[in-house]
Amino acid sequence: MNPAEVAVLAALHPDNTLTAAQVRRTSRLTGWRTRNALAGLESRGLILASSPRGRWRISPRGRVALMTKGKRFA
């Protein structure tokens, strides 16, 4: 997991459901890095698309990953 992905997971933790723009603002990443992090995290099942469309939330697996691997970037 890279620092951008950790920042996205932290923005979505514990139960935030945010749009990509809200994640970008909260995590202070560029739009490009936010989109890439969202795509990578979703492909690994660490975040889930949520209703209404265009929103993201952290999965239980993502919470575990943030707690274990996120410590490297704190």
N, C-alpha and C. Protein backbone atom coordinates (compact mmCIF):
# COMPACT_ATOMS: atom_id res chain seq x y z
N MET A 1 0.86 -1.17 0.00
CA MET A 1 0.00 0.00 0.00
C MET A 1 0.90 1.23 0.00
N ASN A 2 0.54 2.21 -0.82
CA ASN A 2 1.35 3.43 -0.90
C ASN A 2 0.71 4.55 -0.04
N PRO A 3 1.44 5.65 0.17
CA PRO A 3 0.92 6.73 1.03
C PRO A 3 -0.42 7.32 0.56
N ALA A 4 -0.64 7.40 -0.74
CA ALA A 4 -1.90 7.94 -1.24
C ALA A 4 -3.06 7.01 -0.86
N GLU A 5 -2.85 5.71 -0.96
CA GLU A 5 -3.90 4.77 -0.60
C GLU A 5 -4.19 4.82 0.90
N VAL A 6 -3.16 4.97 1.70
CA VAL A 6 -3.36 5.11 3.15
C VAL A 6 -4.15 6.37 3.45
N ALA A 7 -3.84 7.46 2.76
CA ALA A 7 -4.57 8.72 2.97
C ALA A 7 -6.04 8.57 2.60
N VAL A 8 -6.33 7.85 1.53
CA VAL A 8 -7.72 7.63 1.12
C VAL A 8 -8.45 6.77 2.15
N LEU A 9 -7.82 5.69 2.60
CA LEU A 9 -8.44 4.85 3.62
C LEU A 9 -8.69 5.64 4.90
N ALA A 10 -7.74 6.48 5.28
CA ALA A 10 -7.91 7.30 6.49
C ALA A 10 -9.06 8.27 6.33
N ALA A 11 -9.24 8.82 5.14
CA ALA A 11 -10.35 9.75 4.89
C ALA A 11 -11.69 9.04 5.00
N LEU A 12 -11.73 7.77 4.63
CA LEU A 12 -12.98 7.01 4.65
C LEU A 12 -13.23 6.33 5.99
N HIS A 13 -12.25 6.30 6.86
CA HIS A 13 -12.37 5.61 8.15
C HIS A 13 -13.02 6.52 9.17
N PRO A 14 -13.89 6.13 10.06
CA PRO A 14 -14.35 4.77 10.25
C PRO A 14 -15.53 4.42 9.37
N ASP A 15 -16.48 5.32 9.17
CA ASP A 15 -17.66 4.99 8.37
C ASP A 15 -18.09 6.13 7.46
N ASN A 16 -17.13 6.91 6.98
CA ASN A 16 -17.47 7.99 6.05
C ASN A 16 -17.81 7.42 4.68
N THR A 17 -18.81 7.98 4.05
CA THR A 17 -19.15 7.67 2.67
C THR A 17 -18.98 8.96 1.90
N LEU A 18 -17.95 9.02 1.06
CA LEU A 18 -17.56 10.26 0.41
C LEU A 18 -17.47 10.11 -1.10
N THR A 19 -17.65 11.24 -1.80
CA THR A 19 -17.39 11.29 -3.23
C THR A 19 -15.89 11.38 -3.45
N ALA A 20 -15.47 11.17 -4.69
CA ALA A 20 -14.04 11.29 -5.01
C ALA A 20 -13.53 12.69 -4.69
N ALA A 21 -14.33 13.71 -4.97
CA ALA A 21 -13.92 15.08 -4.67
C ALA A 21 -13.76 15.31 -3.16
N GLN A 22 -14.65 14.74 -2.38
CA GLN A 22 -14.54 14.87 -0.92
C GLN A 22 -13.33 14.12 -0.40
N VAL A 23 -13.05 12.96 -0.97
CA VAL A 23 -11.86 12.21 -0.58
C VAL A 23 -10.62 13.02 -0.92
N ARG A 24 -10.60 13.62 -2.10
CA ARG A 24 -9.45 14.43 -2.54
C ARG A 24 -9.19 15.57 -1.57
N ARG A 25 -10.25 16.29 -1.20
CA ARG A 25 -10.08 17.41 -0.27
C ARG A 25 -9.63 16.94 1.11
N THR A 26 -10.24 15.89 1.61
CA THR A 26 -9.91 15.39 2.94
C THR A 26 -8.50 14.85 3.01
N SER A 27 -8.08 14.15 1.98
CA SER A 27 -6.76 13.52 1.99
C SER A 27 -5.65 14.45 1.47
N ARG A 28 -6.06 15.57 0.90
CA ARG A 28 -5.11 16.56 0.35
C ARG A 28 -4.23 15.98 -0.75
N LEU A 29 -4.84 15.17 -1.60
CA LEU A 29 -4.15 14.59 -2.74
C LEU A 29 -4.59 15.31 -4.02
N THR A 30 -3.82 15.14 -5.07
CA THR A 30 -4.23 15.65 -6.37
C THR A 30 -5.37 14.77 -6.90
N GLY A 31 -6.08 15.26 -7.87
CA GLY A 31 -7.15 14.49 -8.48
C GLY A 31 -6.65 13.18 -9.08
N TRP A 32 -5.50 13.24 -9.74
CA TRP A 32 -4.92 12.06 -10.38
C TRP A 32 -4.57 11.01 -9.34
N ARG A 33 -3.90 11.42 -8.27
CA ARG A 33 -3.51 10.45 -7.23
C ARG A 33 -4.73 9.88 -6.51
N THR A 34 -5.76 10.71 -6.33
CA THR A 34 -6.98 10.23 -5.68
C THR A 34 -7.65 9.16 -6.54
N ARG A 35 -7.81 9.44 -7.83
CA ARG A 35 -8.45 8.47 -8.73
C ARG A 35 -7.66 7.16 -8.80
N ASN A 36 -6.34 7.25 -8.88
CA ASN A 36 -5.52 6.04 -8.93
C ASN A 36 -5.62 5.25 -7.63
N ALA A 37 -5.61 5.95 -6.49
CA ALA A 37 -5.73 5.27 -5.20
C ALA A 37 -7.10 4.61 -5.07
N LEU A 38 -8.16 5.31 -5.46
CA LEU A 38 -9.50 4.72 -5.40
C LEU A 38 -9.58 3.47 -6.27
N ALA A 39 -9.05 3.53 -7.47
CA ALA A 39 -9.10 2.38 -8.37
C ALA A 39 -8.31 1.20 -7.80
N GLY A 40 -7.13 1.46 -7.27
CA GLY A 40 -6.32 0.39 -6.71
C GLY A 40 -6.96 -0.24 -5.49
N LEU A 41 -7.50 0.60 -4.62
CA LEU A 41 -8.14 0.10 -3.40
C LEU A 41 -9.40 -0.71 -3.73
N GLU A 42 -10.17 -0.23 -4.70
CA GLU A 42 -11.38 -0.96 -5.08
C GLU A 42 -11.03 -2.31 -5.70
N SER A 43 -9.99 -2.34 -6.53
CA SER A 43 -9.63 -3.61 -7.18
C SER A 43 -9.18 -4.66 -6.17
N ARG A 44 -8.68 -4.23 -5.03
CA ARG A 44 -8.24 -5.16 -3.98
C ARG A 44 -9.30 -5.38 -2.90
N GLY A 45 -10.47 -4.79 -3.08
CA GLY A 45 -11.57 -5.00 -2.13
C GLY A 45 -11.42 -4.24 -0.82
N LEU A 46 -10.59 -3.20 -0.81
CA LEU A 46 -10.38 -2.43 0.42
C LEU A 46 -11.37 -1.29 0.57
N ILE A 47 -12.00 -0.89 -0.53
CA ILE A 47 -13.09 0.08 -0.50
C ILE A 47 -14.21 -0.44 -1.38
N LEU A 48 -15.40 0.08 -1.15
CA LEU A 48 -16.58 -0.35 -1.90
C LEU A 48 -17.31 0.85 -2.46
N ALA A 49 -17.84 0.70 -3.67
CA ALA A 49 -18.73 1.73 -4.22
C ALA A 49 -20.01 1.69 -3.40
N SER A 50 -20.59 2.85 -3.18
CA SER A 50 -21.76 2.94 -2.31
C SER A 50 -22.86 3.70 -3.01
N SER A 51 -24.04 3.53 -2.49
CA SER A 51 -25.20 4.26 -3.00
C SER A 51 -25.35 5.54 -2.20
N PRO A 52 -25.67 6.68 -2.74
CA PRO A 52 -25.88 6.93 -4.17
C PRO A 52 -24.58 6.80 -4.96
N ARG A 53 -24.74 6.64 -6.23
CA ARG A 53 -23.63 6.39 -7.13
C ARG A 53 -22.53 7.45 -6.99
N GLY A 54 -21.29 7.01 -7.14
CA GLY A 54 -20.17 7.94 -7.10
C GLY A 54 -19.63 8.18 -5.70
N ARG A 55 -20.03 7.38 -4.75
CA ARG A 55 -19.54 7.50 -3.37
C ARG A 55 -18.78 6.24 -2.99
N TRP A 56 -17.87 6.41 -2.06
CA TRP A 56 -17.01 5.32 -1.64
C TRP A 56 -17.07 5.17 -0.13
N ARG A 57 -16.86 3.92 0.32
CA ARG A 57 -16.76 3.66 1.75
C ARG A 57 -15.71 2.57 1.96
N ILE A 58 -15.15 2.54 3.14
CA ILE A 58 -14.11 1.56 3.46
C ILE A 58 -14.78 0.22 3.78
N SER A 59 -14.15 -0.85 3.34
CA SER A 59 -14.67 -2.19 3.62
C SER A 59 -14.05 -2.71 4.92
N PRO A 60 -14.61 -3.77 5.49
CA PRO A 60 -13.99 -4.36 6.68
C PRO A 60 -12.52 -4.76 6.42
N ARG A 61 -12.27 -5.27 5.25
CA ARG A 61 -10.90 -5.63 4.88
C ARG A 61 -10.00 -4.38 4.80
N GLY A 62 -10.57 -3.26 4.35
CA GLY A 62 -9.82 -2.02 4.29
C GLY A 62 -9.49 -1.48 5.67
N ARG A 63 -10.40 -1.67 6.62
CA ARG A 63 -10.14 -1.25 8.00
C ARG A 63 -8.94 -2.01 8.59
N VAL A 64 -8.91 -3.32 8.32
CA VAL A 64 -7.80 -4.14 8.81
C VAL A 64 -6.49 -3.69 8.16
N ALA A 65 -6.52 -3.46 6.87
CA ALA A 65 -5.32 -3.02 6.16
C ALA A 65 -4.83 -1.68 6.69
N LEU A 66 -5.74 -0.76 6.96
CA LEU A 66 -5.35 0.55 7.49
C LEU A 66 -4.72 0.39 8.86
N MET A 67 -5.29 -0.44 9.70
CA MET A 67 -4.77 -0.62 11.06
C MET A 67 -3.39 -1.30 11.06
N THR A 68 -3.16 -2.22 10.14
CA THR A 68 -1.89 -2.95 10.14
C THR A 68 -0.82 -2.28 9.29
N LYS A 69 -1.16 -1.92 8.06
CA LYS A 69 -0.17 -1.36 7.15
C LYS A 69 -0.07 0.15 7.21
N GLY A 70 -1.13 0.80 7.66
CA GLY A 70 -1.13 2.25 7.72
C GLY A 70 -0.16 2.81 8.73
N LYS A 71 0.24 2.00 9.70
CA LYS A 71 1.17 2.46 10.74
C LYS A 71 2.52 2.85 10.17
N ARG A 72 2.88 2.25 9.03
CA ARG A 72 4.17 2.57 8.38
C ARG A 72 4.23 4.02 7.91
N PHE A 73 3.05 4.61 7.65
CA PHE A 73 3.01 5.95 7.06
C PHE A 73 2.60 7.02 8.05
N ALA A 74 2.39 6.65 9.30
CA ALA A 74 1.96 7.60 10.32
C ALA A 74 3.07 8.52 10.76
